[in-house]
Amino acid sequence: VGAAPSIQLLEETMVQVREAAKSFTSLLLTLMNTAHWDIAAAVRSIEAATATASNICDDNTSSSSAITIVSPQHAKYAIESYISQKIFQGFDHETFYMDGSLSTLLNPDQFRRDCFVQYRDMKSMDPAELLGILPTCHFGRFCSNKYLAIVHPKMEESLFGNLEQHSQVSAGNHPRTKFYSEFLRLGKAVWLLHLVAFSLEPAPSLFEASRGAEFHTEYMQSVVRFSGGRVPPGHVVGFSVSPGFKLGNGSNEHDIKL
């Protein structure tokens, strides 16, 4: 780790987030298939929620008429999109809105330094080992909140036949299961990304493309492959899989692709 936070470090950490998100999504999709879920129905539900959130439906267009991605190849992207939406919610606040902290306003320089120190200290730690010692630290609370937001009780019961993990997490504990360990890998990656982001001056702003927005190759990457490797003009966004960041104060901006 370098001596100071940088845009390059943010980009590298975002790559780790995407890798962890893909891994957790793959495990979740495998469990869904094993539990005989109707994956197409799950994708339609995610798409309907995305359409509602994006407010793209008018009198002539309903969510039922939107393009439905049902192939296994694309189902994973819809599920990953759902996970990203949940785990990045609150990212723009210094504590993911877990409390009313105002350190970024009261002592911004010290807060940025503290964030980077925490990043360096935590980067090489095993999240399960850390939470075994400090289960209710800020990172522990973050993981608990996000797990409960992503994995609904009915989902967990369907996948595992019980609510044991949900009960443990609700009680402030962190189960040593393969599923929760994979989730912790994602949680740690997002937490580290958050620390790096709030170490920068100014802190980057999170952004994502709304459904139906024009597709811009300079800011976006398509999961659909086209001949020639380029997205033809006129295509629009179906849904955003993972967010991007805008860095800078307007006069010197950098963008990390969605």
Protein backbone atom coordinates (compact mmCIF):
# COMPACT_ATOMS: atom_id res chain seq x y z
CA VAL A 1 0.00 0.00 0.00
CA GLY A 2 1.32 3.42 -0.93
CA ALA A 3 2.00 6.19 1.55
CA ALA A 4 -1.06 8.15 0.45
CA PRO A 5 -4.50 7.43 -1.03
CA SER A 6 -4.78 7.73 -4.79
CA ILE A 7 -7.19 7.32 -7.68
CA GLN A 8 -5.23 4.25 -8.77
CA LEU A 9 -5.75 2.66 -5.36
CA LEU A 10 -9.48 3.37 -5.58
CA GLU A 11 -9.63 1.73 -9.01
CA GLU A 12 -7.68 -1.31 -7.80
CA THR A 13 -9.97 -1.68 -4.79
CA MET A 14 -13.05 -1.40 -7.01
CA VAL A 15 -11.70 -4.30 -9.08
CA GLN A 16 -11.55 -6.36 -5.88
CA VAL A 17 -15.14 -5.39 -5.09
CA ARG A 18 -16.31 -6.57 -8.50
CA GLU A 19 -14.43 -9.86 -8.18
CA ALA A 20 -15.94 -10.47 -4.74
CA ALA A 21 -19.41 -9.54 -6.00
CA LYS A 22 -19.12 -11.99 -8.90
CA SER A 23 -17.93 -14.75 -6.56
CA PHE A 24 -20.76 -14.21 -4.06
CA THR A 25 -23.29 -13.97 -6.90
CA SER A 26 -22.03 -17.24 -8.36
CA LEU A 27 -22.42 -19.01 -5.02
CA LEU A 28 -25.90 -17.55 -4.48
CA LEU A 29 -27.00 -18.56 -7.98
CA THR A 30 -25.70 -22.10 -7.42
CA LEU A 31 -27.70 -22.35 -4.19
CA MET A 32 -30.79 -21.00 -5.94
CA ASN A 33 -30.49 -23.66 -8.66
CA THR A 34 -29.95 -26.38 -6.05
CA ALA A 35 -33.10 -25.20 -4.22
CA HIS A 36 -34.98 -25.31 -7.57
CA TRP A 37 -35.71 -21.61 -7.69
CA ASP A 38 -37.45 -20.19 -10.74
CA ILE A 39 -34.48 -18.04 -11.80
CA ALA A 40 -36.42 -16.36 -14.59
CA ALA A 41 -39.09 -15.25 -12.11
CA ALA A 42 -36.42 -13.94 -9.75
CA VAL A 43 -34.86 -11.94 -12.58
CA ARG A 44 -38.23 -10.52 -13.59
CA SER A 45 -38.77 -9.39 -9.99
CA ILE A 46 -35.38 -7.66 -9.94
CA GLU A 47 -36.05 -6.01 -13.29
CA ALA A 48 -39.46 -4.78 -12.15
CA ALA A 49 -37.91 -3.23 -9.04
CA THR A 50 -35.23 -1.60 -11.18
CA ALA A 51 -37.81 -0.18 -13.55
CA THR A 52 -39.86 1.20 -10.67
CA ALA A 53 -36.80 2.75 -9.01
CA SER A 54 -35.71 4.32 -12.27
CA ASN A 55 -39.24 5.69 -12.84
CA ILE A 56 -39.11 4.92 -16.54
CA CYS A 57 -42.67 3.62 -16.85
CA ASP A 58 -45.30 5.99 -18.21
CA ASP A 59 -48.87 5.63 -19.42
CA ASN A 60 -47.78 3.77 -22.54
CA THR A 61 -45.04 1.58 -21.02
CA SER A 62 -45.31 -0.83 -18.15
CA SER A 63 -42.70 -2.96 -16.43
CA SER A 64 -44.35 -6.05 -17.93
CA SER A 65 -43.43 -4.84 -21.42
CA ALA A 66 -39.78 -4.28 -20.55
CA ILE A 67 -37.22 -6.65 -22.01
CA THR A 68 -36.80 -9.63 -19.70
CA ILE A 69 -33.39 -11.24 -19.42
CA VAL A 70 -33.99 -14.87 -18.57
CA SER A 71 -30.97 -16.76 -19.92
CA PRO A 72 -28.58 -18.24 -17.32
CA GLN A 73 -25.79 -16.19 -18.88
CA HIS A 74 -27.54 -12.94 -18.00
CA ALA A 75 -29.42 -13.98 -14.87
CA LYS A 76 -26.19 -13.72 -12.90
CA TYR A 77 -25.86 -10.07 -13.89
CA ALA A 78 -29.36 -9.25 -12.68
CA ILE A 79 -28.65 -10.94 -9.34
CA GLU A 80 -25.29 -9.17 -9.07
CA SER A 81 -27.09 -5.90 -9.78
CA TYR A 82 -29.49 -6.59 -6.90
CA ILE A 83 -26.58 -7.32 -4.55
CA SER A 84 -24.70 -4.18 -5.61
CA GLN A 85 -27.77 -1.99 -5.13
CA LYS A 86 -28.15 -3.24 -1.56
CA ILE A 87 -24.53 -3.23 -0.46
CA PHE A 88 -23.68 0.19 -1.92
CA GLN A 89 -26.74 1.87 -0.42
CA GLY A 90 -25.52 4.60 1.94
CA PHE A 91 -22.00 4.62 0.48
CA ASP A 92 -22.03 8.41 0.20
CA HIS A 93 -22.23 8.79 4.00
CA GLU A 94 -19.15 8.44 6.20
CA THR A 95 -20.67 5.54 8.19
CA PHE A 96 -23.25 4.21 5.69
CA TYR A 97 -25.84 6.04 7.82
CA MET A 98 -25.26 3.68 10.72
CA ASP A 99 -25.07 6.74 12.97
CA GLY A 100 -25.22 10.52 12.76
CA SER A 101 -21.45 11.06 12.65
CA LEU A 102 -20.31 14.40 11.22
CA SER A 103 -16.55 13.89 11.24
CA THR A 104 -16.28 14.81 7.57
CA LEU A 105 -17.60 18.27 8.47
CA LEU A 106 -16.12 18.82 11.94
CA ASN A 107 -12.58 17.62 11.29
CA PRO A 108 -12.29 16.57 7.64
CA ASP A 109 -8.48 16.38 7.43
CA GLN A 110 -8.20 14.13 10.47
CA PHE A 111 -11.08 11.98 9.25
CA ARG A 112 -9.38 11.42 5.89
CA ARG A 113 -6.15 10.42 7.62
CA ASP A 114 -8.00 8.07 9.97
CA CYS A 115 -9.76 6.40 7.04
CA PHE A 116 -6.50 5.66 5.29
CA VAL A 117 -4.89 4.34 8.47
CA GLN A 118 -7.87 2.02 8.94
CA TYR A 119 -7.55 0.89 5.33
CA ARG A 120 -3.88 0.01 5.76
CA ASP A 121 -4.52 -1.76 9.07
CA MET A 122 -7.45 -3.79 7.78
CA LYS A 123 -6.32 -4.65 4.25
CA SER A 124 -4.46 -7.83 5.19
CA MET A 125 -6.84 -8.95 7.96
CA ASP A 126 -9.12 -11.97 7.71
CA PRO A 127 -12.61 -10.47 8.18
CA ALA A 128 -13.88 -13.54 10.04
CA GLU A 129 -10.96 -13.39 12.48
CA LEU A 130 -11.47 -9.68 13.02
CA LEU A 131 -15.19 -10.07 13.69
CA GLY A 132 -14.51 -13.00 15.98
CA ILE A 133 -12.73 -10.50 18.24
CA LEU A 134 -14.83 -7.38 17.57
CA PRO A 135 -18.22 -8.58 16.29
CA THR A 136 -20.01 -5.27 16.87
CA CYS A 137 -17.35 -2.88 15.55
CA HIS A 138 -18.39 -0.50 12.76
CA PHE A 139 -17.35 -3.04 10.12
CA GLY A 140 -19.25 -5.78 11.96
CA ARG A 141 -22.40 -3.69 12.10
CA PHE A 142 -22.01 -2.88 8.41
CA CYS A 143 -21.77 -6.56 7.51
CA SER A 144 -24.75 -7.47 9.71
CA ASN A 145 -26.92 -4.72 8.22
CA LYS A 146 -26.01 -5.57 4.63
CA TYR A 147 -26.44 -9.32 5.04
CA LEU A 148 -29.92 -8.84 6.48
CA ALA A 149 -30.75 -6.42 3.65
CA ILE A 150 -29.54 -8.77 0.90
CA VAL A 151 -30.60 -12.17 2.26
CA HIS A 152 -34.29 -12.06 3.14
CA PRO A 153 -35.43 -14.61 5.77
CA LYS A 154 -37.59 -16.42 3.20
CA MET A 155 -34.59 -16.59 0.86
CA GLU A 156 -32.34 -18.05 3.55
CA GLU A 157 -34.94 -20.59 4.65
CA SER A 158 -35.45 -21.66 1.05
CA LEU A 159 -31.70 -22.03 0.44
CA PHE A 160 -30.69 -23.71 3.70
CA GLY A 161 -33.88 -25.07 5.22
CA ASN A 162 -33.52 -22.95 8.36
CA LEU A 163 -32.86 -19.42 9.63
CA GLU A 164 -29.78 -20.20 11.71
CA GLN A 165 -27.48 -17.71 9.97
CA HIS A 166 -30.14 -15.01 10.00
CA SER A 167 -30.67 -15.54 13.73
CA GLN A 168 -26.96 -15.35 14.50
CA VAL A 169 -26.46 -12.19 12.43
CA SER A 170 -29.53 -10.54 13.96
CA ALA A 171 -28.02 -11.24 17.39
CA GLY A 172 -24.79 -9.47 16.42
CA ASN A 173 -22.76 -12.59 15.68
CA HIS A 174 -21.04 -13.71 12.49
CA PRO A 175 -21.48 -17.39 11.54
CA ARG A 176 -18.50 -19.41 10.29
CA THR A 177 -20.29 -20.85 7.26
CA LYS A 178 -19.07 -20.95 3.68
CA PHE A 179 -21.95 -18.74 2.55
CA TYR A 180 -21.40 -16.07 5.18
CA SER A 181 -17.63 -16.21 4.72
CA GLU A 182 -18.11 -15.50 1.00
CA PHE A 183 -20.39 -12.62 1.91
CA LEU A 184 -17.75 -11.26 4.33
CA ARG A 185 -15.24 -11.21 1.49
CA LEU A 186 -17.57 -8.89 -0.41
CA GLY A 187 -18.36 -6.86 2.70
CA LYS A 188 -14.68 -6.31 3.42
CA ALA A 189 -13.97 -5.25 -0.18
CA VAL A 190 -16.76 -2.65 -0.12
CA TRP A 191 -15.69 -1.44 3.34
CA LEU A 192 -12.10 -0.97 2.14
CA LEU A 193 -13.36 0.85 -0.95
CA HIS A 194 -15.36 3.14 1.31
CA LEU A 195 -12.27 3.89 3.43
CA VAL A 196 -10.19 4.71 0.34
CA ALA A 197 -12.96 6.89 -1.09
CA PHE A 198 -13.24 8.94 2.10
CA SER A 199 -9.45 9.26 2.26
CA LEU A 200 -9.49 11.29 -0.95
CA GLU A 201 -10.05 15.02 -1.24
CA PRO A 202 -12.69 15.58 -2.42
CA ALA A 203 -14.44 12.27 -1.79
CA PRO A 204 -15.75 10.71 -5.01
CA SER A 205 -19.44 10.67 -5.77
CA LEU A 206 -21.17 7.40 -6.61
CA PHE A 207 -23.13 7.26 -9.85
CA GLU A 208 -24.88 4.71 -12.00
CA ALA A 209 -26.81 4.70 -15.23
CA SER A 210 -30.58 4.56 -14.98
CA ARG A 211 -32.53 2.03 -16.97
CA GLY A 212 -33.34 3.43 -20.41
CA ALA A 213 -30.46 5.91 -20.37
CA GLU A 214 -28.31 6.29 -23.46
CA PHE A 215 -25.31 3.94 -23.46
CA HIS A 216 -21.95 5.75 -23.39
CA THR A 217 -18.92 3.58 -24.10
CA GLU A 218 -16.56 6.04 -22.44
CA TYR A 219 -18.31 5.52 -19.09
CA MET A 220 -19.89 2.09 -19.39
CA GLN A 221 -19.04 -1.51 -20.21
CA SER A 222 -21.63 -3.84 -21.69
CA VAL A 223 -22.17 -7.41 -20.49
CA VAL A 224 -23.67 -8.16 -23.92
CA ARG A 225 -21.00 -8.86 -26.53
CA PHE A 226 -21.36 -7.32 -29.98
CA SER A 227 -19.53 -8.16 -33.19
CA GLY A 228 -16.47 -5.98 -33.54
CA GLY A 229 -16.29 -5.53 -29.78
CA ARG A 230 -18.13 -2.18 -29.79
CA VAL A 231 -21.67 -1.31 -28.75
CA PRO A 232 -23.52 0.08 -31.79
CA PRO A 233 -25.03 3.59 -31.49
CA GLY A 234 -28.59 3.87 -30.23
CA HIS A 235 -28.43 1.23 -27.52
CA VAL A 236 -29.75 2.01 -24.05
CA VAL A 237 -29.04 0.71 -20.55
CA GLY A 238 -31.02 -2.33 -19.39
CA PHE A 239 -29.83 -2.12 -15.80
CA SER A 240 -26.68 -1.17 -13.96
CA VAL A 241 -24.67 -4.13 -12.64
CA SER A 242 -22.21 -2.16 -10.51
CA PRO A 243 -21.77 1.56 -9.84
CA GLY A 244 -19.02 3.89 -10.96
CA PHE A 245 -17.44 6.95 -9.42
CA LYS A 246 -16.93 10.53 -10.43
CA LEU A 247 -13.74 11.95 -9.01
CA GLY A 248 -12.71 15.57 -8.84
CA ASN A 249 -14.22 18.98 -8.31
CA GLY A 250 -15.58 19.55 -11.80
CA SER A 251 -12.48 21.13 -13.30
CA ASN A 252 -10.37 17.98 -13.15
CA GLU A 253 -12.57 14.93 -13.30
CA HIS A 254 -11.89 11.25 -13.70
CA ASP A 255 -14.46 8.54 -14.16
CA ILE A 256 -14.35 4.90 -13.18
CA LYS A 257 -16.52 2.88 -15.53
CA LEU A 258 -19.74 1.19 -14.51
